[in-house]
C-alpha atoms as a PDB file:
ATOM      1  CA  MET A   1      88.373  10.254  10.666  1.00  0.00           C
ATOM      2  CA  ARG A   2      86.667  12.734   8.651  1.00  0.00           C
ATOM      3  CA  ASP A   3      84.663  15.627  10.807  1.00  0.00           C
ATOM      4  CA  MET A   4      80.998  14.583   9.871  1.00  0.00           C
ATOM      5  CA  ARG A   5      79.649  16.615  11.994  1.00  0.00           C
ATOM      6  CA  ALA A   6      81.299  19.746  10.585  1.00  0.00           C
ATOM      7  CA  GLU A   7      80.174  18.947   7.119  1.00  0.00           C
ATOM      8  CA  ILE A   8      76.469  18.011   8.385  1.00  0.00           C
ATOM      9  CA  GLU A   9      75.967  21.653  10.273  1.00  0.00           C
ATOM     10  CA  TRP A  10      77.330  22.673   6.715  1.00  0.00           C
ATOM     11  CA  PHE A  11      74.694  21.198   4.446  1.00  0.00           C
ATOM     12  CA  VAL A  12      71.847  21.966   7.504  1.00  0.00           C
ATOM     13  CA  ASP A  13      73.166  25.409   6.713  1.00  0.00           C
ATOM     14  CA  ALA A  14      72.936  25.575   2.525  1.00  0.00           C
ATOM     15  CA  ILE A  15      69.884  23.455   2.437  1.00  0.00           C
ATOM     16  CA  ALA A  16      68.020  26.481   4.241  1.00  0.00           C
ATOM     17  CA  LEU A  17      69.414  28.411   1.926  1.00  0.00           C
ATOM     18  CA  VAL A  18      67.545  27.094  -1.033  1.00  0.00           C
ATOM     19  CA  ARG A  19      64.194  27.458  -2.510  1.00  0.00           C
ATOM     20  CA  ASP A  20      64.815  25.728  -5.405  1.00  0.00           C
ATOM     21  CA  ALA A  21      64.491  22.054  -6.647  1.00  0.00           C
ATOM     22  CA  GLY A  22      67.832  22.533  -8.819  1.00  0.00           C
ATOM     23  CA  THR A  23      70.050  24.024  -6.000  1.00  0.00           C
ATOM     24  CA  LEU A  24      68.692  21.210  -3.480  1.00  0.00           C
ATOM     25  CA  ALA A  25      69.646  18.711  -5.763  1.00  0.00           C
ATOM     26  CA  MET A  26      73.292  20.639  -5.632  1.00  0.00           C
ATOM     27  CA  VAL A  27      74.214  21.156  -2.393  1.00  0.00           C
ATOM     28  CA  LEU A  28      72.093  17.076  -1.635  1.00  0.00           C
ATOM     29  CA  GLY A  29      74.805  15.331  -4.477  1.00  0.00           C
ATOM     30  CA  GLU A  30      78.215  17.629  -3.249  1.00  0.00           C
ATOM     31  CA  MET A  31      76.819  16.153   0.705  1.00  0.00           C
ATOM     32  CA  THR A  32      76.318  13.011  -0.272  1.00  0.00           C
ATOM     33  CA  GLY A  33      80.067  13.450  -2.094  1.00  0.00           C
ATOM     34  CA  ARG A  34      80.977  14.177   1.342  1.00  0.00           C
ATOM     35  CA  LEU A  35      79.284  10.930   3.465  1.00  0.00           C
ATOM     36  CA  GLY A  36      81.479   8.932   0.741  1.00  0.00           C
ATOM     37  CA  PHE A  37      78.772   7.754  -1.649  1.00  0.00           C
ATOM     38  CA  GLY A  38      78.237   8.324  -4.699  1.00  0.00           C
ATOM     39  CA  HIS A  39      74.980   8.695  -5.549  1.00  0.00           C
ATOM     40  CA  PHE A  40      71.755   9.930  -4.212  1.00  0.00           C
ATOM     41  CA  ALA A  41      67.863   9.302  -4.985  1.00  0.00           C
ATOM     42  CA  LEU A  42      64.963  11.105  -2.448  1.00  0.00           C
ATOM     43  CA  THR A  43      61.294  10.988  -4.059  1.00  0.00           C
ATOM     44  CA  HIS A  44      57.971  10.622  -3.295  1.00  0.00           C
ATOM     45  CA  HIS A  45      56.603   6.535  -3.603  1.00  0.00           C
ATOM     46  CA  ALA A  46      55.028   7.228  -6.749  1.00  0.00           C
ATOM     47  CA  ASN A  47      54.602   6.123 -10.451  1.00  0.00           C
ATOM     48  CA  ILE A  48      55.452   9.897 -11.909  1.00  0.00           C
ATOM     49  CA  LEU A  49      54.098   8.659 -15.433  1.00  0.00           C
ATOM     50  CA  ASP A  50      50.689   8.397 -13.159  1.00  0.00           C
ATOM     51  CA  VAL A  51      51.228  11.028 -11.772  1.00  0.00           C
ATOM     52  CA  PRO A  52      49.209  13.631 -13.118  1.00  0.00           C
ATOM     53  CA  ARG A  53      50.912  16.573 -10.268  1.00  0.00           C
ATOM     54  CA  PRO A  54      54.222  17.045  -9.038  1.00  0.00           C
ATOM     55  CA  MET A  55      55.556  15.340  -6.598  1.00  0.00           C
ATOM     56  CA  ILE A  56      59.298  14.815  -4.369  1.00  0.00           C
ATOM     57  CA  ARG A  57      61.991  13.254  -6.884  1.00  0.00           C
ATOM     58  CA  ILE A  58      65.321  14.921  -6.663  1.00  0.00           C
ATOM     59  CA  HIS A  59      67.698  11.733  -8.292  1.00  0.00           C
ATOM     60  CA  ASN A  60      71.646  11.552  -9.228  1.00  0.00           C
ATOM     61  CA  TYR A  61      70.775   7.282 -10.392  1.00  0.00           C
ATOM     62  CA  PRO A  62      71.995   6.337 -13.485  1.00  0.00           C
ATOM     63  CA  ALA A  63      69.999   7.691 -16.117  1.00  0.00           C
ATOM     64  CA  GLY A  64      69.431   3.430 -17.373  1.00  0.00           C
ATOM     65  CA  TRP A  65      67.837   3.275 -14.073  1.00  0.00           C
ATOM     66  CA  VAL A  66      65.222   5.083 -13.994  1.00  0.00           C
ATOM     67  CA  ASP A  67      64.053   4.916 -17.129  1.00  0.00           C
ATOM     68  CA  PHE A  68      64.264   0.959 -15.922  1.00  0.00           C
ATOM     69  CA  PHE A  69      62.638   1.735 -12.729  1.00  0.00           C
ATOM     70  CA  ASP A  70      59.879   4.614 -14.444  1.00  0.00           C
ATOM     71  CA  ARG A  71      59.268   2.108 -17.412  1.00  0.00           C
ATOM     72  CA  ARG A  72      57.964  -0.516 -15.164  1.00  0.00           C
ATOM     73  CA  ARG A  73      56.369   1.478 -12.831  1.00  0.00           C
ATOM     74  CA  LEU A  74      58.325   0.280  -9.675  1.00  0.00           C
ATOM     75  CA  GLY A  75      57.498   3.575  -7.256  1.00  0.00           C
ATOM     76  CA  PHE A  76      55.587   0.793  -5.319  1.00  0.00           C
ATOM     77  CA  SER A  77      56.710  -2.296  -5.026  1.00  0.00           C
ATOM     78  CA  ASP A  78      60.331  -1.605  -5.245  1.00  0.00           C
ATOM     79  CA  PRO A  79      61.614  -3.843  -2.503  1.00  0.00           C
ATOM     80  CA  VAL A  80      63.982  -0.395  -0.945  1.00  0.00           C
ATOM     81  CA  HIS A  81      60.497   1.191  -0.749  1.00  0.00           C
ATOM     82  CA  ARG A  82      58.727  -1.300   1.004  1.00  0.00           C
ATOM     83  CA  ALA A  83      61.390  -1.567   3.506  1.00  0.00           C
ATOM     84  CA  SER A  84      60.878   2.185   4.345  1.00  0.00           C
ATOM     85  CA  HIS A  85      57.999   1.981   5.524  1.00  0.00           C
ATOM     86  CA  LYS A  86      58.996  -1.314   8.187  1.00  0.00           C
ATOM     87  CA  THR A  87      60.883   1.739  10.429  1.00  0.00           C
ATOM     88  CA  SER A  88      61.599   5.221  10.545  1.00  0.00           C
ATOM     89  CA  ALA A  89      65.427   4.365  11.196  1.00  0.00           C
ATOM     90  CA  GLY A  90      67.754   4.470   8.134  1.00  0.00           C
ATOM     91  CA  PHE A  91      68.589   1.099   6.522  1.00  0.00           C
ATOM     92  CA  ARG A  92      71.468  -0.409   4.951  1.00  0.00           C
ATOM     93  CA  TRP A  93      70.590  -2.585   2.039  1.00  0.00           C
ATOM     94  CA  ASN A  94      71.144  -5.632   3.173  1.00  0.00           C
ATOM     95  CA  ARG A  95      68.749  -5.778   6.364  1.00  0.00           C
ATOM     96  CA  ILE A  96      65.853  -5.283   3.697  1.00  0.00           C
ATOM     97  CA  PRO A  97      65.290  -9.106   4.112  1.00  0.00           C
ATOM     98  CA  ASP A  98      64.988  -8.409   7.248  1.00  0.00           C
ATOM     99  CA  LEU A  99      62.231  -5.689   7.198  1.00  0.00           C
ATOM    100  CA  ILE A 100      60.273  -7.801   4.266  1.00  0.00           C
ATOM    101  CA  GLN A 101      59.534 -10.721   3.303  1.00  0.00           C
ATOM    102  CA  MET A 102      61.995 -10.795  -0.481  1.00  0.00           C
ATOM    103  CA  THR A 103      60.577 -12.478  -3.488  1.00  0.00           C
ATOM    104  CA  PRO A 104      62.434 -13.799  -6.817  1.00  0.00           C
ATOM    105  CA  GLY A 105      61.907 -10.193  -8.598  1.00  0.00           C
ATOM    106  CA  ASP A 106      62.377  -8.871  -5.359  1.00  0.00           C
ATOM    107  CA  HIS A 107      66.528 -10.741  -5.693  1.00  0.00           C
ATOM    108  CA  ARG A 108      66.390  -9.982  -9.104  1.00  0.00           C
ATOM    109  CA  LEU A 109      65.542  -6.509  -9.226  1.00  0.00           C
ATOM    110  CA  LEU A 110      68.860  -5.492  -6.389  1.00  0.00           C
ATOM    111  CA  GLU A 111      71.058  -7.382  -9.111  1.00  0.00           C
ATOM    112  CA  LEU A 112      69.639  -5.669 -12.473  1.00  0.00           C
ATOM    113  CA  ALA A 113      70.456  -2.404  -9.659  1.00  0.00           C
ATOM    114  CA  GLN A 114      74.229  -3.542  -8.670  1.00  0.00           C
ATOM    115  CA  ASP A 115      74.213  -4.191 -12.817  1.00  0.00           C
ATOM    116  CA  HIS A 116      73.388   0.111 -13.317  1.00  0.00           C
ATOM    117  CA  GLY A 117      76.089   0.206 -10.585  1.00  0.00           C
ATOM    118  CA  LEU A 118      73.769   0.987  -7.150  1.00  0.00           C
ATOM    119  CA  ALA A 119      76.040  -1.727  -5.993  1.00  0.00           C
ATOM    120  CA  ASP A 120      74.714  -1.143  -1.909  1.00  0.00           C
ATOM    121  CA  GLY A 121      73.121   1.700   0.287  1.00  0.00           C
ATOM    122  CA  PHE A 122      71.418   3.340   3.226  1.00  0.00           C
ATOM    123  CA  THR A 123      67.970   4.680   2.845  1.00  0.00           C
ATOM    124  CA  VAL A 124      66.402   7.059   5.415  1.00  0.00           C
ATOM    125  CA  PRO A 125      62.150   6.327   5.002  1.00  0.00           C
ATOM    126  CA  ALA A 126      60.792   9.869   5.441  1.00  0.00           C
ATOM    127  CA  ASN A 127      56.647   7.736   6.769  1.00  0.00           C
ATOM    128  CA  ILE A 128      54.403  11.733   6.883  1.00  0.00           C
ATOM    129  CA  VAL A 129      50.985  11.020   8.484  1.00  0.00           C
ATOM    130  CA  GLY A 130      48.880  12.121   6.125  1.00  0.00           C
ATOM    131  CA  GLU A 131      50.846  12.672   2.982  1.00  0.00           C
ATOM    132  CA  ALA A 132      52.504   9.728   0.600  1.00  0.00           C
ATOM    133  CA  THR A 133      55.264   7.711   2.185  1.00  0.00           C
ATOM    134  CA  GLY A 134      59.132   8.996   0.646  1.00  0.00           C
ATOM    135  CA  SER A 135      62.546   8.186   1.348  1.00  0.00           C
ATOM    136  CA  CYS A 136      65.899   9.230   0.607  1.00  0.00           C
ATOM    137  CA  SER A 137      68.937   6.819  -0.131  1.00  0.00           C
ATOM    138  CA  PHE A 138      72.260   6.801  -0.767  1.00  0.00           C
ATOM    139  CA  ALA A 139      73.665   4.443  -3.346  1.00  0.00           C
ATOM    140  CA  SER A 140      77.744   3.110  -3.834  1.00  0.00           C
ATOM    141  CA  GLY A 141      78.723   1.693  -7.070  1.00  0.00           C
ATOM    142  CA  PRO A 142      80.474  -1.483  -7.145  1.00  0.00           C
ATOM    143  CA  ASP A 143      83.592   0.101  -6.765  1.00  0.00           C
ATOM    144  CA  HIS A 144      83.358   1.721  -3.798  1.00  0.00           C
ATOM    145  CA  CYS A 145      82.365   0.312  -0.597  1.00  0.00           C
ATOM    146  CA  LEU A 146      78.902   1.337   1.322  1.00  0.00           C
ATOM    147  CA  PRO A 147      80.819   4.229   4.466  1.00  0.00           C
ATOM    148  CA  SER A 148      79.600   1.904   6.997  1.00  0.00           C
ATOM    149  CA  ASP A 149      81.411   5.199   9.358  1.00  0.00           C
ATOM    150  CA  ALA A 150      79.325   7.857   7.942  1.00  0.00           C
ATOM    151  CA  LEU A 151      75.401   6.077   8.452  1.00  0.00           C
ATOM    152  CA  LEU A 152      74.656   8.311  11.426  1.00  0.00           C
ATOM    153  CA  TRP A 153      75.360  11.539   9.781  1.00  0.00           C
ATOM    154  CA  ALA A 154      73.489  10.480   6.534  1.00  0.00           C
ATOM    155  CA  GLN A 155      70.573   9.661   8.783  1.00  0.00           C
ATOM    156  CA  PHE A 156      70.793  12.881   9.334  1.00  0.00           C
ATOM    157  CA  ALA A 157      71.094  14.513   6.313  1.00  0.00           C
ATOM    158  CA  GLY A 158      68.644  12.424   4.297  1.00  0.00           C
ATOM    159  CA  THR A 159      66.141  13.384   6.507  1.00  0.00           C
ATOM    160  CA  ALA A 160      66.510  17.227   6.810  1.00  0.00           C
ATOM    161  CA  ALA A 161      67.453  16.820   2.400  1.00  0.00           C
ATOM    162  CA  PHE A 162      63.580  15.400   2.346  1.00  0.00           C
ATOM    163  CA  GLU A 163      62.404  18.043   4.761  1.00  0.00           C
ATOM    164  CA  ALA A 164      63.319  20.633   2.920  1.00  0.00           C
ATOM    165  CA  ALA A 165      62.601  18.796  -0.938  1.00  0.00           C
ATOM    166  CA  ARG A 166      58.659  19.089   1.410  1.00  0.00           C
ATOM    167  CA  ARG A 167      59.226  22.418   1.329  1.00  0.00           C
ATOM    168  CA  ILE A 168      60.194  23.179  -2.253  1.00  0.00           C
ATOM    169  CA  TRP A 169      57.312  21.251  -3.094  1.00  0.00           C
ATOM    170  CA  LEU A 170      54.070  22.392  -1.240  1.00  0.00           C
ATOM    171  CA  VAL A 171      54.977  25.433  -0.970  1.00  0.00           C
ATOM    172  CA  ASP A 172      56.652  26.667  -4.308  1.00  0.00           C
ATOM    173  CA  VAL A 173      55.999  23.641  -6.828  1.00  0.00           C
ATOM    174  CA  ALA A 174      52.791  22.234  -5.191  1.00  0.00           C
ATOM    175  CA  PRO A 175      51.465  25.405  -3.724  1.00  0.00           C
ATOM    176  CA  PRO A 176      48.442  24.666  -1.724  1.00  0.00           C
ATOM    177  CA  GLY A 177      45.435  26.749  -3.221  1.00  0.00           C
ATOM    178  CA  PRO A 178      41.840  25.222  -3.110  1.00  0.00           C
ATOM    179  CA  ARG A 179      41.470  22.005  -2.715  1.00  0.00           C
ATOM    180  CA  PRO A 180      39.207  19.672  -3.673  1.00  0.00           C
ATOM    181  CA  GLN A 181      36.613  18.673  -1.147  1.00  0.00           C
ATOM    182  CA  LEU A 182      35.758  14.885  -0.170  1.00  0.00           C
ATOM    183  CA  THR A 183      32.020  14.350   1.608  1.00  0.00           C
ATOM    184  CA  ASP A 184      32.224  11.903   4.474  1.00  0.00           C
ATOM    185  CA  ARG A 185      30.299   8.717   2.118  1.00  0.00           C
ATOM    186  CA  GLN A 186      32.643   9.298  -0.660  1.00  0.00           C
ATOM    187  CA  ARG A 187      36.104   9.438   1.803  1.00  0.00           C
ATOM    188  CA  ASP A 188      33.650   5.784   3.013  1.00  0.00           C
ATOM    189  CA  CYS A 189      34.476   4.294   0.327  1.00  0.00           C
ATOM    190  CA  LEU A 190      37.801   5.510  -1.685  1.00  0.00           C
ATOM    191  CA  ILE A 191      39.580   3.595   2.380  1.00  0.00           C
ATOM    192  CA  TRP A 192      37.780   0.954   1.045  1.00  0.00           C
ATOM    193  CA  ALA A 193      38.335   0.367  -2.283  1.00  0.00           C
ATOM    194  CA  ALA A 194      41.826   0.520  -2.247  1.00  0.00           C
ATOM    195  CA  ARG A 195      41.511  -1.651   0.766  1.00  0.00           C
ATOM    196  CA  GLY A 196      40.967  -3.659  -2.431  1.00  0.00           C
ATOM    197  CA  LYS A 197      37.007  -4.173  -1.784  1.00  0.00           C
ATOM    198  CA  THR A 198      34.774  -3.945  -4.748  1.00  0.00           C
ATOM    199  CA  ALA A 199      31.570  -1.382  -4.846  1.00  0.00           C
ATOM    200  CA  TRP A 200      29.546  -4.794  -4.216  1.00  0.00           C
ATOM    201  CA  GLU A 201      31.731  -5.129  -1.609  1.00  0.00           C
ATOM    202  CA  ILE A 202      31.197  -1.036  -0.265  1.00  0.00           C
ATOM    203  CA  GLY A 203      27.666  -1.218  -0.865  1.00  0.00           C
ATOM    204  CA  ARG A 204      27.577  -4.347   2.176  1.00  0.00           C
ATOM    205  CA  ILE A 205      30.322  -2.682   4.534  1.00  0.00           C
ATOM    206  CA  LEU A 206      28.099   1.084   4.959  1.00  0.00           C
ATOM    207  CA  GLY A 207      24.880  -0.090   3.303  1.00  0.00           C
ATOM    208  CA  ILE A 208      23.990   1.300   0.180  1.00  0.00           C
ATOM    209  CA  SER A 209      23.495  -0.593  -2.920  1.00  0.00           C
ATOM    210  CA  GLU A 210      26.087  -1.358  -5.131  1.00  0.00           C
ATOM    211  CA  GLU A 211      25.299   1.473  -7.552  1.00  0.00           C
ATOM    212  CA  THR A 212      25.403   4.577  -5.307  1.00  0.00           C
ATOM    213  CA  ALA A 213      28.839   3.503  -4.245  1.00  0.00           C
ATOM    214  CA  VAL A 214      30.342   3.520  -7.909  1.00  0.00           C
ATOM    215  CA  ARG A 215      28.192   7.187  -8.026  1.00  0.00           C
ATOM    216  CA  HIS A 216      30.256   8.435  -5.187  1.00  0.00           C
ATOM    217  CA  LEU A 217      33.458   6.564  -6.257  1.00  0.00           C
ATOM    218  CA  LYS A 218      33.324   8.951  -9.613  1.00  0.00           C
ATOM    219  CA  GLN A 219      32.040  11.075  -8.201  1.00  0.00           C
ATOM    220  CA  ALA A 220      35.502  11.175  -6.485  1.00  0.00           C
ATOM    221  CA  ARG A 221      36.957  11.206  -9.106  1.00  0.00           C
ATOM    222  CA  GLU A 222      35.521  13.992 -10.790  1.00  0.00           C
ATOM    223  CA  ARG A 223      36.173  16.267  -7.446  1.00  0.00           C
ATOM    224  CA  TYR A 224      39.755  15.847  -8.119  1.00  0.00           C
ATOM    225  CA  GLY A 225      39.879  15.951 -12.548  1.00  0.00           C
ATOM    226  CA  VAL A 226      40.949  12.537 -13.126  1.00  0.00           C
ATOM    227  CA  ASP A 227      40.009   9.342 -14.966  1.00  0.00           C
ATOM    228  CA  LYS A 228      41.941   6.608 -12.988  1.00  0.00           C
ATOM    229  CA  GLN A 229      41.792   5.531  -9.062  1.00  0.00           C
ATOM    230  CA  THR A 230      44.838   5.228  -8.786  1.00  0.00           C
ATOM    231  CA  SER A 231      44.990   8.624  -9.442  1.00  0.00           C
ATOM    232  CA  LEU A 232      42.660   9.277  -7.030  1.00  0.00           C
ATOM    233  CA  LEU A 233      44.234   6.999  -4.349  1.00  0.00           C
ATOM    234  CA  ILE A 234      47.582   9.120  -4.882  1.00  0.00           C
ATOM    235  CA  LEU A 235      45.868  12.635  -4.492  1.00  0.00           C
ATOM    236  CA  ALA A 236      44.237  11.984  -1.493  1.00  0.00           C
ATOM    237  CA  LEU A 237      46.669  10.850   0.075  1.00  0.00           C
ATOM    238  CA  PHE A 238      49.291  13.464  -0.238  1.00  0.00           C
ATOM    239  CA  ASP A 239      46.525  15.489  -0.013  1.00  0.00           C
ATOM    240  CA  GLY A 240      45.782  13.817   3.629  1.00  0.00           C
ATOM    241  CA  ILE A 241      42.133  13.774   2.825  1.00  0.00           C
ATOM    242  CA  ILE A 242      43.263  10.109   3.679  1.00  0.00           C
ATOM    243  CA  SER A 243      45.628   8.075   5.029  1.00  0.00           C
ATOM    244  CA  PHE A 244      47.815   5.274   4.990  1.00  0.00           C
ATOM    245  CA  SER A 245      46.824   3.731   8.786  1.00  0.00           C
ATOM    246  CA  ASP A 246      43.157   4.534   6.851  1.00  0.00           C
ATOM    247  CA  ILE A 247      44.554   2.013   4.551  1.00  0.00           C
ATOM    248  CA  PHE A 248      45.872  -0.421   6.244  1.00  0.00           C
ATOM    249  CA  GLY A 249      45.122   0.669   9.962  1.00  0.00           C
ATOM    250  CA  HIS A 250      42.550  -1.755   9.970  1.00  0.00           C
END
């Protein structure tokens, strides 16, 4: 049996020295191979084509699959991503039906992933309060069995890799700088909008007029310099102004 403890020690030491995304991708790719997998994907769960500022995303997934994934905007609906919101522990993809209710479209999506060379996998969730959720996935191709003896070590590697990515992105790629500030009313309106309420419903809930609710949301978008409410929501999640518990914890 491989000395995986030594491999993990090498990986932790290596990523401690990493200062850029390209080097992290190279080191994580090397560790992915040492674990016995063929592919990795470390990412925030967002639609990259809709996000107006840098997000965590490094991978060596097949280009055809990535193109399909991005064009279909599957960052939120992907069953692997949705399942990772239901647990803090790493999980094999064959356990996804135990974590979420699978739709026919979900099954077709996983079959299509197999067609692109992602036959099976193991995903390590990264659910950090105040940030967009994310994960680090390791996948095997159709000609290789999932290395079940390495899954515990993959959990360690995935967690360490995501923390390294956060350090790089939050400090170097997307330095904090001055953040937009929302008023309490703007924040309240955004939370209720994220819960699916219309401006009229928000007004009734908060005791304000529909026009005032619309104005608060418009001013919040202006403070962030975005036109779409989805972009405002993502940025507010990244900045910790609201959290997923604000949206789903009611």
